[in-house]
Amino acid sequence: MNAGRLLVKGGAAVVGTALLAAAMWLYDRKPKVEETLLDPIRSTGRIGQVVATPRFRVQVHRVEAARSLRASSVAPTAAPVRTDGVYLVVRVRGTSVREPLALRWVRLETPGGYVYRDGPRRTAAQDFPPTFQPMIWDTVVYVFELPPRRLAGARLVLGEGGLLPQLSAAAEIDLGLTRARADELVRRAVDGYDLRAAAR
């Protein structure tokens, strides 16, 4: 009798532990699944190509690196904005298809699941990104601050954002940063990069 009770209790403990482990695994997976479901539908391409979505078209035509950015202050003696990593400067041309729109969902995705948001430090921030107009190509410069070792394999992702991103469009662009190309960019990174001049 006692042996039977011990077997039942032992079996219940094993089953309970397995169910708890499964619940914790599902809890850990849920945010990743929801994030994937909420991602916009992406059109893909490479640097130099025009990537078309139903709402806009974009083309990356230059990628550069900088060790520091020229401050936006009008004072000629303002110190450059430095970084412990590197600034990746991505110059993009864009146009909308039917109506004016602004791309508010901008990120740099690198291998290993790392995501970097656009926007240098406040003292070097450029003007607000343009609102793209139908049939008119405009230029915008996006700046990402990241460790040099994360450059290789980076992809630029642009979208409209909003409350329902899964219903919007996005462009995913391979920047062509092989390990050799990324190392070359870091070696040639300039000091005092002028964002305003790059956006012209």
N, C-alpha and C. Protein backbone atom coordinates (compact mmCIF):
# COMPACT_ATOMS: atom_id res chain seq x y z
N MET A 1 0.82 -1.20 0.00
CA MET A 1 0.00 0.00 0.00
C MET A 1 0.86 1.26 0.00
N ASN A 2 1.83 1.30 0.94
CA ASN A 2 2.73 2.47 1.01
C ASN A 2 3.55 2.60 -0.26
N ALA A 3 3.98 1.47 -0.81
CA ALA A 3 4.77 1.50 -2.05
C ALA A 3 3.93 2.05 -3.20
N GLY A 4 2.65 1.67 -3.24
CA GLY A 4 1.77 2.20 -4.29
C GLY A 4 1.59 3.70 -4.18
N ARG A 5 1.41 4.17 -2.95
CA ARG A 5 1.26 5.63 -2.76
C ARG A 5 2.53 6.36 -3.16
N LEU A 6 3.66 5.79 -2.81
CA LEU A 6 4.94 6.43 -3.18
C LEU A 6 5.09 6.51 -4.70
N LEU A 7 4.66 5.41 -5.40
CA LEU A 7 4.75 5.42 -6.86
C LEU A 7 3.84 6.49 -7.47
N VAL A 8 2.63 6.61 -6.92
CA VAL A 8 1.69 7.62 -7.42
C VAL A 8 2.24 9.02 -7.18
N LYS A 9 2.73 9.26 -5.96
CA LYS A 9 3.29 10.59 -5.64
C LYS A 9 4.52 10.89 -6.49
N GLY A 10 5.36 9.89 -6.67
CA GLY A 10 6.56 10.08 -7.49
C GLY A 10 6.21 10.37 -8.94
N GLY A 11 5.21 9.61 -9.45
CA GLY A 11 4.78 9.86 -10.83
C GLY A 11 4.17 11.23 -10.99
N ALA A 12 3.38 11.67 -10.00
CA ALA A 12 2.78 13.00 -10.06
C ALA A 12 3.86 14.08 -10.02
N ALA A 13 4.89 13.86 -9.24
CA ALA A 13 5.98 14.84 -9.16
C ALA A 13 6.71 14.95 -10.49
N VAL A 14 6.97 13.80 -11.14
CA VAL A 14 7.66 13.80 -12.44
C VAL A 14 6.82 14.51 -13.50
N VAL A 15 5.52 14.16 -13.55
CA VAL A 15 4.62 14.78 -14.52
C VAL A 15 4.50 16.28 -14.26
N GLY A 16 4.37 16.66 -12.97
CA GLY A 16 4.27 18.08 -12.63
C GLY A 16 5.51 18.86 -13.03
N THR A 17 6.68 18.27 -12.80
CA THR A 17 7.94 18.92 -13.20
C THR A 17 8.02 19.09 -14.71
N ALA A 18 7.61 18.05 -15.45
CA ALA A 18 7.63 18.13 -16.92
C ALA A 18 6.69 19.21 -17.43
N LEU A 19 5.48 19.28 -16.83
CA LEU A 19 4.52 20.31 -17.24
C LEU A 19 5.04 21.71 -16.93
N LEU A 20 5.68 21.87 -15.78
CA LEU A 20 6.24 23.17 -15.42
C LEU A 20 7.35 23.58 -16.39
N ALA A 21 8.21 22.63 -16.75
CA ALA A 21 9.28 22.92 -17.70
C ALA A 21 8.71 23.32 -19.06
N ALA A 22 7.65 22.60 -19.50
CA ALA A 22 7.02 22.93 -20.79
C ALA A 22 6.38 24.31 -20.74
N ALA A 23 5.73 24.65 -19.63
CA ALA A 23 5.10 25.97 -19.50
C ALA A 23 6.14 27.08 -19.54
N MET A 24 7.27 26.86 -18.88
CA MET A 24 8.33 27.89 -18.88
C MET A 24 8.92 28.05 -20.28
N TRP A 25 9.06 26.92 -21.03
CA TRP A 25 9.59 27.01 -22.39
C TRP A 25 8.63 27.80 -23.28
N LEU A 26 7.33 27.53 -23.16
CA LEU A 26 6.34 28.27 -23.95
C LEU A 26 6.31 29.75 -23.57
N TYR A 27 6.44 30.04 -22.29
CA TYR A 27 6.46 31.44 -21.84
C TYR A 27 7.65 32.18 -22.42
N ASP A 28 8.80 31.49 -22.50
CA ASP A 28 10.00 32.10 -23.07
C ASP A 28 9.85 32.32 -24.56
N ARG A 29 9.15 31.43 -25.26
CA ARG A 29 8.99 31.52 -26.70
C ARG A 29 7.95 32.54 -27.13
N LYS A 30 6.97 32.83 -26.28
CA LYS A 30 5.84 33.66 -26.66
C LYS A 30 6.23 35.04 -27.18
N PRO A 31 7.13 35.80 -26.51
CA PRO A 31 7.48 37.13 -27.04
C PRO A 31 8.09 37.06 -28.43
N LYS A 32 8.92 36.03 -28.69
CA LYS A 32 9.56 35.93 -30.01
C LYS A 32 8.52 35.64 -31.08
N VAL A 33 7.56 34.77 -30.77
CA VAL A 33 6.51 34.45 -31.73
C VAL A 33 5.65 35.68 -32.01
N GLU A 34 5.26 36.41 -30.94
CA GLU A 34 4.45 37.61 -31.12
C GLU A 34 5.19 38.67 -31.90
N GLU A 35 6.50 38.81 -31.64
CA GLU A 35 7.29 39.81 -32.36
C GLU A 35 7.31 39.50 -33.84
N THR A 36 7.47 38.21 -34.19
CA THR A 36 7.46 37.81 -35.60
C THR A 36 6.12 38.09 -36.25
N LEU A 37 5.03 37.80 -35.51
CA LEU A 37 3.70 38.04 -36.05
C LEU A 37 3.42 39.50 -36.29
N LEU A 38 4.03 40.38 -35.47
CA LEU A 38 3.78 41.81 -35.58
C LEU A 38 4.71 42.50 -36.56
N ASP A 39 5.72 41.80 -37.06
CA ASP A 39 6.63 42.41 -38.03
C ASP A 39 5.89 42.70 -39.32
N PRO A 40 6.21 43.83 -39.98
CA PRO A 40 5.58 44.11 -41.28
C PRO A 40 6.08 43.13 -42.35
N ILE A 41 5.33 43.05 -43.44
CA ILE A 41 5.72 42.21 -44.57
C ILE A 41 6.89 42.90 -45.28
N ARG A 42 7.97 42.16 -45.49
CA ARG A 42 9.19 42.77 -46.02
C ARG A 42 9.42 42.45 -47.50
N SER A 43 9.87 43.49 -48.23
CA SER A 43 10.41 43.30 -49.57
C SER A 43 11.92 43.39 -49.43
N THR A 44 12.65 42.50 -50.08
CA THR A 44 14.09 42.43 -49.88
C THR A 44 14.86 42.85 -51.12
N GLY A 45 16.10 43.27 -50.90
CA GLY A 45 16.99 43.66 -51.98
C GLY A 45 18.39 43.90 -51.46
N ARG A 46 19.23 44.41 -52.33
CA ARG A 46 20.63 44.67 -51.98
C ARG A 46 20.97 46.13 -52.21
N ILE A 47 22.09 46.55 -51.65
CA ILE A 47 22.57 47.91 -51.85
C ILE A 47 22.68 48.19 -53.35
N GLY A 48 22.21 49.37 -53.77
CA GLY A 48 22.23 49.75 -55.18
C GLY A 48 20.94 49.43 -55.91
N GLN A 49 20.16 48.48 -55.40
CA GLN A 49 18.88 48.12 -56.05
C GLN A 49 17.75 49.00 -55.51
N VAL A 50 16.77 49.25 -56.35
CA VAL A 50 15.54 49.90 -55.90
C VAL A 50 14.64 48.80 -55.33
N VAL A 51 14.32 48.92 -54.05
CA VAL A 51 13.46 47.94 -53.38
C VAL A 51 12.05 48.54 -53.32
N ALA A 52 11.10 47.86 -53.93
CA ALA A 52 9.73 48.37 -54.05
C ALA A 52 8.80 47.64 -53.09
N THR A 53 8.01 48.42 -52.37
CA THR A 53 6.92 47.89 -51.55
C THR A 53 5.62 48.49 -52.10
N PRO A 54 4.47 48.03 -51.65
CA PRO A 54 3.22 48.62 -52.15
C PRO A 54 3.06 50.10 -51.82
N ARG A 55 3.80 50.61 -50.81
CA ARG A 55 3.60 51.99 -50.34
C ARG A 55 4.77 52.91 -50.67
N PHE A 56 5.98 52.38 -50.85
CA PHE A 56 7.14 53.24 -51.09
C PHE A 56 8.24 52.46 -51.79
N ARG A 57 9.21 53.22 -52.31
CA ARG A 57 10.40 52.63 -52.93
C ARG A 57 11.63 53.28 -52.33
N VAL A 58 12.66 52.46 -52.07
CA VAL A 58 13.90 52.98 -51.49
C VAL A 58 15.10 52.35 -52.19
N GLN A 59 16.21 53.09 -52.11
CA GLN A 59 17.47 52.60 -52.69
C GLN A 59 18.62 53.07 -51.80
N VAL A 60 19.40 52.13 -51.31
CA VAL A 60 20.63 52.48 -50.58
C VAL A 60 21.74 52.63 -51.60
N HIS A 61 22.35 53.80 -51.64
CA HIS A 61 23.42 53.96 -52.63
C HIS A 61 24.76 54.32 -52.03
N ARG A 62 24.85 54.43 -50.70
CA ARG A 62 26.17 54.66 -50.11
C ARG A 62 26.15 54.24 -48.65
N VAL A 63 27.24 53.58 -48.23
CA VAL A 63 27.44 53.21 -46.83
C VAL A 63 28.85 53.64 -46.44
N GLU A 64 28.94 54.41 -45.35
CA GLU A 64 30.23 54.89 -44.88
C GLU A 64 30.33 54.69 -43.37
N ALA A 65 31.53 54.86 -42.84
CA ALA A 65 31.74 54.72 -41.40
C ALA A 65 32.46 55.96 -40.88
N ALA A 66 32.22 56.28 -39.62
CA ALA A 66 32.85 57.45 -39.00
C ALA A 66 33.20 57.14 -37.56
N ARG A 67 34.31 57.72 -37.12
CA ARG A 67 34.70 57.60 -35.71
C ARG A 67 34.03 58.67 -34.86
N SER A 68 33.72 59.80 -35.50
CA SER A 68 33.03 60.88 -34.80
C SER A 68 32.20 61.66 -35.80
N LEU A 69 31.20 62.40 -35.28
CA LEU A 69 30.30 63.21 -36.10
C LEU A 69 30.50 64.68 -35.77
N ARG A 70 30.46 65.50 -36.79
CA ARG A 70 30.51 66.93 -36.55
C ARG A 70 29.26 67.35 -35.78
N ALA A 71 29.46 68.12 -34.72
CA ALA A 71 28.33 68.56 -33.90
C ALA A 71 27.41 69.45 -34.71
N SER A 72 26.13 69.44 -34.40
CA SER A 72 25.17 70.25 -35.14
C SER A 72 25.21 71.71 -34.72
N SER A 73 25.91 72.00 -33.64
CA SER A 73 26.01 73.38 -33.16
C SER A 73 26.67 74.27 -34.21
N VAL A 74 26.22 75.52 -34.28
CA VAL A 74 26.80 76.46 -35.25
C VAL A 74 28.16 76.97 -34.78
N ALA A 75 28.50 76.73 -33.52
CA ALA A 75 29.80 77.20 -33.01
C ALA A 75 30.92 76.43 -33.69
N PRO A 76 31.87 77.14 -34.30
CA PRO A 76 32.94 76.45 -35.04
C PRO A 76 33.85 75.64 -34.13
N THR A 77 33.85 75.92 -32.83
CA THR A 77 34.74 75.20 -31.92
C THR A 77 34.06 74.02 -31.24
N ALA A 78 32.82 73.71 -31.61
CA ALA A 78 32.11 72.59 -30.98
C ALA A 78 32.86 71.28 -31.24
N ALA A 79 33.01 70.50 -30.18
CA ALA A 79 33.77 69.25 -30.30
C ALA A 79 32.96 68.20 -31.07
N PRO A 80 33.63 67.37 -31.87
CA PRO A 80 32.92 66.29 -32.56
C PRO A 80 32.29 65.32 -31.55
N VAL A 81 31.24 64.66 -31.97
CA VAL A 81 30.56 63.68 -31.13
C VAL A 81 31.21 62.32 -31.38
N ARG A 82 31.95 61.83 -30.41
CA ARG A 82 32.71 60.59 -30.57
C ARG A 82 31.93 59.38 -30.09
N THR A 83 32.43 58.21 -30.44
CA THR A 83 31.82 56.96 -30.01
C THR A 83 32.92 55.96 -29.67
N ASP A 84 32.62 55.05 -28.76
CA ASP A 84 33.56 53.97 -28.45
C ASP A 84 33.51 52.90 -29.54
N GLY A 85 32.45 52.90 -30.33
CA GLY A 85 32.33 51.94 -31.42
C GLY A 85 32.60 52.62 -32.75
N VAL A 86 31.61 52.54 -33.64
CA VAL A 86 31.71 53.19 -34.95
C VAL A 86 30.32 53.65 -35.35
N TYR A 87 30.26 54.75 -36.09
CA TYR A 87 29.00 55.20 -36.67
C TYR A 87 28.90 54.63 -38.08
N LEU A 88 27.82 53.95 -38.38
CA LEU A 88 27.56 53.49 -39.73
C LEU A 88 26.57 54.47 -40.35
N VAL A 89 26.99 55.12 -41.42
CA VAL A 89 26.19 56.15 -42.09
C VAL A 89 25.64 55.56 -43.39
N VAL A 90 24.31 55.48 -43.49
CA VAL A 90 23.66 54.87 -44.65
C VAL A 90 22.86 55.94 -45.38
N ARG A 91 23.24 56.19 -46.62
CA ARG A 91 22.54 57.20 -47.43
C ARG A 91 21.50 56.51 -48.30
N VAL A 92 20.24 56.98 -48.20
CA VAL A 92 19.11 56.32 -48.85
C VAL A 92 18.31 57.32 -49.67
N ARG A 93 17.88 56.90 -50.86
CA ARG A 93 16.93 57.67 -51.66
C ARG A 93 15.58 56.98 -51.54
N GLY A 94 14.52 57.79 -51.50
CA GLY A 94 13.20 57.18 -51.37
C GLY A 94 12.11 58.02 -52.01
N THR A 95 11.01 57.37 -52.32
CA THR A 95 9.82 58.02 -52.85
C THR A 95 8.60 57.20 -52.43
N SER A 96 7.47 57.86 -52.30
CA SER A 96 6.24 57.14 -51.99
C SER A 96 5.53 56.76 -53.29
N VAL A 97 4.55 55.87 -53.19
CA VAL A 97 3.84 55.40 -54.39
C VAL A 97 2.62 56.26 -54.68
N ARG A 98 1.75 56.49 -53.67
CA ARG A 98 0.50 57.20 -53.93
C ARG A 98 0.29 58.44 -53.08
N GLU A 99 0.75 58.43 -51.84
CA GLU A 99 0.51 59.56 -50.95
C GLU A 99 1.73 59.81 -50.08
N PRO A 100 1.88 61.03 -49.55
CA PRO A 100 3.05 61.33 -48.71
C PRO A 100 3.14 60.40 -47.51
N LEU A 101 4.35 60.00 -47.19
CA LEU A 101 4.55 59.16 -46.01
C LEU A 101 5.97 59.34 -45.47
N ALA A 102 6.12 59.08 -44.18
CA ALA A 102 7.42 59.13 -43.52
C ALA A 102 7.74 57.73 -43.00
N LEU A 103 9.00 57.34 -43.12
CA LEU A 103 9.43 56.03 -42.63
C LEU A 103 9.87 56.18 -41.18
N ARG A 104 9.02 55.71 -40.26
CA ARG A 104 9.27 55.89 -38.83
C ARG A 104 9.81 54.62 -38.17
N TRP A 105 9.90 53.54 -38.92
CA TRP A 105 10.37 52.26 -38.39
C TRP A 105 11.69 51.95 -39.06
N VAL A 106 12.80 52.36 -38.44
CA VAL A 106 14.13 52.25 -39.05
C VAL A 106 15.04 51.51 -38.08
N ARG A 107 15.67 50.46 -38.58
CA ARG A 107 16.57 49.70 -37.73
C ARG A 107 17.67 49.05 -38.55
N LEU A 108 18.75 48.73 -37.88
CA LEU A 108 19.85 47.98 -38.49
C LEU A 108 19.88 46.63 -37.79
N GLU A 109 19.75 45.55 -38.55
CA GLU A 109 19.76 44.21 -37.98
C GLU A 109 21.07 43.53 -38.36
N THR A 110 21.72 42.91 -37.38
CA THR A 110 23.00 42.25 -37.64
C THR A 110 22.91 40.79 -37.20
N PRO A 111 23.81 39.94 -37.72
CA PRO A 111 23.78 38.53 -37.34
C PRO A 111 23.85 38.36 -35.82
N GLY A 112 23.18 37.32 -35.34
CA GLY A 112 23.13 37.08 -33.91
C GLY A 112 21.91 37.69 -33.26
N GLY A 113 21.04 38.34 -34.06
CA GLY A 113 19.81 38.91 -33.52
C GLY A 113 19.96 40.29 -32.91
N TYR A 114 21.05 40.99 -33.20
CA TYR A 114 21.25 42.34 -32.66
C TYR A 114 20.50 43.36 -33.51
N VAL A 115 19.86 44.32 -32.85
CA VAL A 115 19.09 45.36 -33.53
C VAL A 115 19.55 46.71 -33.02
N TYR A 116 19.84 47.64 -33.94
CA TYR A 116 20.27 48.99 -33.60
C TYR A 116 19.31 49.99 -34.21
N ARG A 117 18.90 50.96 -33.42
CA ARG A 117 17.96 51.99 -33.87
C ARG A 117 18.71 53.14 -34.51
N ASP A 118 18.03 53.81 -35.43
CA ASP A 118 18.59 55.00 -36.07
C ASP A 118 18.65 56.15 -35.08
N GLY A 119 19.65 57.01 -35.24
CA GLY A 119 19.70 58.23 -34.45
C GLY A 119 21.00 58.39 -33.70
N PRO A 120 21.85 59.33 -34.13
CA PRO A 120 23.06 59.61 -33.38
C PRO A 120 22.73 60.33 -32.09
N ARG A 121 23.74 60.60 -31.32
CA ARG A 121 23.51 61.32 -30.07
C ARG A 121 22.93 62.69 -30.36
N ARG A 122 22.18 63.20 -29.42
CA ARG A 122 21.38 64.40 -29.64
C ARG A 122 22.19 65.59 -30.17
N THR A 123 23.42 65.76 -29.70
CA THR A 123 24.21 66.94 -30.09
C THR A 123 24.60 66.91 -31.56
N ALA A 124 24.50 65.75 -32.21
CA ALA A 124 24.85 65.69 -33.63
C ALA A 124 23.66 65.34 -34.50
N ALA A 125 22.47 65.36 -33.91
CA ALA A 125 21.28 64.92 -34.64
C ALA A 125 21.00 65.81 -35.84
N GLN A 126 20.62 65.17 -36.92
CA GLN A 126 20.27 65.91 -38.13
C GLN A 126 18.81 66.33 -38.05
N ASP A 127 18.35 67.03 -39.09
CA ASP A 127 16.95 67.41 -39.15
C ASP A 127 16.07 66.16 -39.22
N PHE A 128 14.77 66.35 -38.99
CA PHE A 128 13.86 65.21 -39.06
C PHE A 128 13.88 64.61 -40.46
N PRO A 129 13.73 63.29 -40.56
CA PRO A 129 13.70 62.65 -41.89
C PRO A 129 12.58 63.24 -42.73
N PRO A 130 12.77 63.23 -44.04
CA PRO A 130 11.76 63.84 -44.90
C PRO A 130 10.50 63.00 -45.00
N THR A 131 9.43 63.66 -45.40
CA THR A 131 8.21 62.96 -45.80
C THR A 131 8.32 62.72 -47.30
N PHE A 132 8.34 61.46 -47.69
CA PHE A 132 8.49 61.14 -49.11
C PHE A 132 7.20 61.47 -49.85
N GLN A 133 7.36 62.05 -51.03
CA GLN A 133 6.23 62.44 -51.87
C GLN A 133 6.14 61.52 -53.09
N PRO A 134 4.94 61.34 -53.64
CA PRO A 134 4.80 60.50 -54.83
C PRO A 134 5.61 61.06 -56.01
N MET A 135 6.32 60.17 -56.68
CA MET A 135 7.06 60.47 -57.92
C MET A 135 8.21 61.46 -57.72
N ILE A 136 8.57 61.79 -56.48
CA ILE A 136 9.70 62.68 -56.22
C ILE A 136 10.68 61.94 -55.32
N TRP A 137 11.92 61.78 -55.78
CA TRP A 137 12.94 61.08 -54.99
C TRP A 137 13.62 62.07 -54.05
N ASP A 138 13.72 61.70 -52.80
CA ASP A 138 14.38 62.53 -51.79
C ASP A 138 15.45 61.69 -51.10
N THR A 139 16.41 62.37 -50.49
CA THR A 139 17.53 61.69 -49.84
C THR A 139 17.46 61.86 -48.34
N VAL A 140 17.75 60.78 -47.63
CA VAL A 140 17.81 60.82 -46.17
C VAL A 140 19.05 60.03 -45.73
N VAL A 141 19.64 60.45 -44.63
CA VAL A 141 20.82 59.78 -44.08
C VAL A 141 20.45 59.18 -42.72
N TYR A 142 20.68 57.89 -42.58
CA TYR A 142 20.45 57.21 -41.31
C TYR A 142 21.79 56.88 -40.67
N VAL A 143 21.87 57.03 -39.37
CA VAL A 143 23.13 56.82 -38.65
C VAL A 143 22.89 55.84 -37.50
N PHE A 144 23.76 54.84 -37.43
CA PHE A 144 23.67 53.82 -36.39
C PHE A 144 25.00 53.76 -35.64
N GLU A 145 24.92 53.66 -34.34
CA GLU A 145 26.12 53.54 -33.51
C GLU A 145 26.21 52.11 -33.00
N LEU A 146 27.30 51.42 -33.34
CA LEU A 146 27.42 50.01 -32.97
C LEU A 146 28.88 49.60 -32.87
N PRO A 147 29.16 48.45 -32.26
CA PRO A 147 30.55 47.96 -32.20
C PRO A 147 31.03 47.57 -33.60
N PRO A 148 32.30 47.82 -33.92
CA PRO A 148 32.81 47.48 -35.25
C PRO A 148 32.62 46.02 -35.63
N ARG A 149 32.70 45.12 -34.65
CA ARG A 149 32.58 43.68 -34.96
C ARG A 149 31.17 43.29 -35.40
N ARG A 150 30.19 44.19 -35.25
CA ARG A 150 28.81 43.88 -35.63
C ARG A 150 28.46 44.33 -37.05
N LEU A 151 29.39 44.97 -37.75
CA LEU A 151 29.08 45.51 -39.08
C LEU A 151 28.81 44.42 -40.12
N ALA A 152 29.62 43.37 -40.08
CA ALA A 152 29.52 42.34 -41.12
C ALA A 152 28.13 41.72 -41.13
N GLY A 153 27.54 41.64 -42.33
CA GLY A 153 26.23 41.02 -42.49
C GLY A 153 25.05 41.90 -42.13
N ALA A 154 25.29 43.18 -41.88
CA ALA A 154 24.20 44.08 -41.45
C ALA A 154 23.19 44.30 -42.56
N ARG A 155 21.91 44.45 -42.17
CA ARG A 155 20.82 44.73 -43.09
C ARG A 155 20.03 45.92 -42.57
N LEU A 156 19.68 46.82 -43.48
CA LEU A 156 18.85 47.97 -43.13
C LEU A 156 17.39 47.60 -43.34
N VAL A 157 16.54 47.90 -42.34
CA VAL A 157 15.11 47.62 -42.45
C VAL A 157 14.36 48.93 -42.25
N LEU A 158 13.51 49.28 -43.22
CA LEU A 158 12.76 50.53 -43.22
C LEU A 158 11.27 50.22 -43.36
N GLY A 159 10.45 50.91 -42.57
CA GLY A 159 9.01 50.73 -42.68
C GLY A 159 8.26 51.94 -42.15
N GLU A 160 6.96 51.90 -42.28
CA GLU A 160 6.12 53.01 -41.84
C GLU A 160 5.89 53.02 -40.34
N GLY A 161 5.91 51.85 -39.71
CA GLY A 161 5.59 51.78 -38.29
C GLY A 161 4.09 51.94 -38.08
N GLY A 162 3.72 52.47 -36.92
CA GLY A 162 2.30 52.67 -36.62
C GLY A 162 1.78 51.63 -35.65
N LEU A 163 0.49 51.71 -35.37
CA LEU A 163 -0.13 50.83 -34.38
C LEU A 163 -0.26 49.39 -34.87
N LEU A 164 -0.37 49.19 -36.18
CA LEU A 164 -0.52 47.85 -36.74
C LEU A 164 0.59 47.58 -37.74
N PRO A 165 1.84 47.38 -37.26
CA PRO A 165 2.96 47.21 -38.19
C PRO A 165 2.81 46.00 -39.09
N GLN A 166 2.09 44.95 -38.62
CA GLN A 166 1.95 43.76 -39.44
C GLN A 166 1.13 44.01 -40.70
N LEU A 167 0.39 45.13 -40.73
CA LEU A 167 -0.40 45.48 -41.91
C LEU A 167 0.32 46.47 -42.82
N SER A 168 1.52 46.88 -42.43
CA SER A 168 2.27 47.84 -43.22
C SER A 168 3.36 47.13 -44.01
N ALA A 169 4.06 47.90 -44.83
CA ALA A 169 5.13 47.34 -45.65
C ALA A 169 6.48 47.76 -45.10
N ALA A 170 7.49 46.96 -45.40
CA ALA A 170 8.85 47.30 -45.00
C ALA A 170 9.82 46.83 -46.08
N ALA A 171 10.98 47.48 -46.13
CA ALA A 171 12.03 47.10 -47.06
C ALA A 171 13.23 46.61 -46.25
N GLU A 172 13.76 45.46 -46.61
CA GLU A 172 14.96 44.91 -45.97
C GLU A 172 16.07 44.89 -47.01
N ILE A 173 17.17 45.60 -46.72
CA ILE A 173 18.23 45.79 -47.70
C ILE A 173 19.55 45.26 -47.16
N ASP A 174 20.12 44.30 -47.87
CA ASP A 174 21.44 43.77 -47.54
C ASP A 174 22.48 44.82 -47.94
N LEU A 175 23.27 45.29 -46.98
CA LEU A 175 24.23 46.37 -47.25
C LEU A 175 25.53 45.88 -47.89
N GLY A 176 25.64 44.59 -48.15
CA GLY A 176 26.82 44.05 -48.81
C GLY A 176 28.07 44.10 -47.96
N LEU A 177 27.89 44.08 -46.64
CA LEU A 177 29.04 44.20 -45.74
C LEU A 177 29.58 42.81 -45.39
N THR A 178 30.41 42.29 -46.28
CA THR A 178 31.15 41.08 -45.95
C THR A 178 32.15 41.42 -44.85
N ARG A 179 32.79 40.42 -44.29
CA ARG A 179 33.78 40.69 -43.24
C ARG A 179 34.90 41.59 -43.77
N ALA A 180 35.38 41.31 -44.98
CA ALA A 180 36.46 42.11 -45.55
C ALA A 180 36.01 43.55 -45.79
N ARG A 181 34.80 43.72 -46.33
CA ARG A 181 34.27 45.07 -46.59
C ARG A 181 34.04 45.83 -45.28
N ALA A 182 33.54 45.14 -44.26
CA ALA A 182 33.32 45.78 -42.97
C ALA A 182 34.65 46.23 -42.34
N ASP A 183 35.65 45.38 -42.42
CA ASP A 183 36.97 45.75 -41.88
C ASP A 183 37.55 46.95 -42.60
N GLU A 184 37.36 47.00 -43.93
CA GLU A 184 37.84 48.14 -44.71
C GLU A 184 37.12 49.43 -44.31
N LEU A 185 35.80 49.34 -44.12
CA LEU A 185 35.04 50.52 -43.68
C LEU A 185 35.56 51.05 -42.36
N VAL A 186 35.83 50.16 -41.40
CA VAL A 186 36.32 50.58 -40.09
C VAL A 186 37.70 51.22 -40.22
N ARG A 187 38.56 50.65 -41.05
CA ARG A 187 39.90 51.23 -41.24
C ARG A 187 39.81 52.63 -41.84
N ARG A 188 38.83 52.87 -42.71
CA ARG A 188 38.72 54.16 -43.39
C ARG A 188 37.76 55.11 -42.70
N ALA A 189 37.28 54.75 -41.52
CA ALA A 189 36.33 55.60 -40.80
C ALA A 189 36.92 56.98 -40.57
N VAL A 190 36.14 58.02 -40.84
CA VAL A 190 36.63 59.40 -40.77
C VAL A 190 36.24 60.05 -39.45
N ASP A 191 36.96 61.09 -39.10
CA ASP A 191 36.62 61.91 -37.94
C ASP A 191 35.84 63.14 -38.41
N GLY A 192 34.90 63.59 -37.59
CA GLY A 192 34.16 64.81 -37.90
C GLY A 192 33.26 64.69 -39.10
N TYR A 193 32.60 63.56 -39.27
CA TYR A 193 31.71 63.35 -40.42
C TYR A 193 30.56 64.37 -40.36
N ASP A 194 30.30 65.02 -41.49
CA ASP A 194 29.26 66.05 -41.56
C ASP A 194 27.97 65.46 -42.10
N LEU A 195 26.99 65.24 -41.22
CA LEU A 195 25.73 64.63 -41.63
C LEU A 195 24.92 65.54 -42.55
N ARG A 196 24.98 66.84 -42.31
CA ARG A 196 24.20 67.76 -43.14
C ARG A 196 24.70 67.76 -44.58
N ALA A 197 26.02 67.71 -44.74
CA ALA A 197 26.58 67.67 -46.09
C ALA A 197 26.21 66.35 -46.77
N ALA A 198 26.20 65.24 -46.01
CA ALA A 198 25.88 63.94 -46.61
C ALA A 198 24.44 63.87 -47.08
N ALA A 199 23.56 64.63 -46.44
CA ALA A 199 22.13 64.57 -46.79
C ALA A 199 21.79 65.42 -48.00
N ARG A 200 22.73 66.21 -48.50
CA ARG A 200 22.43 67.07 -49.65
C ARG A 200 22.47 66.31 -50.95
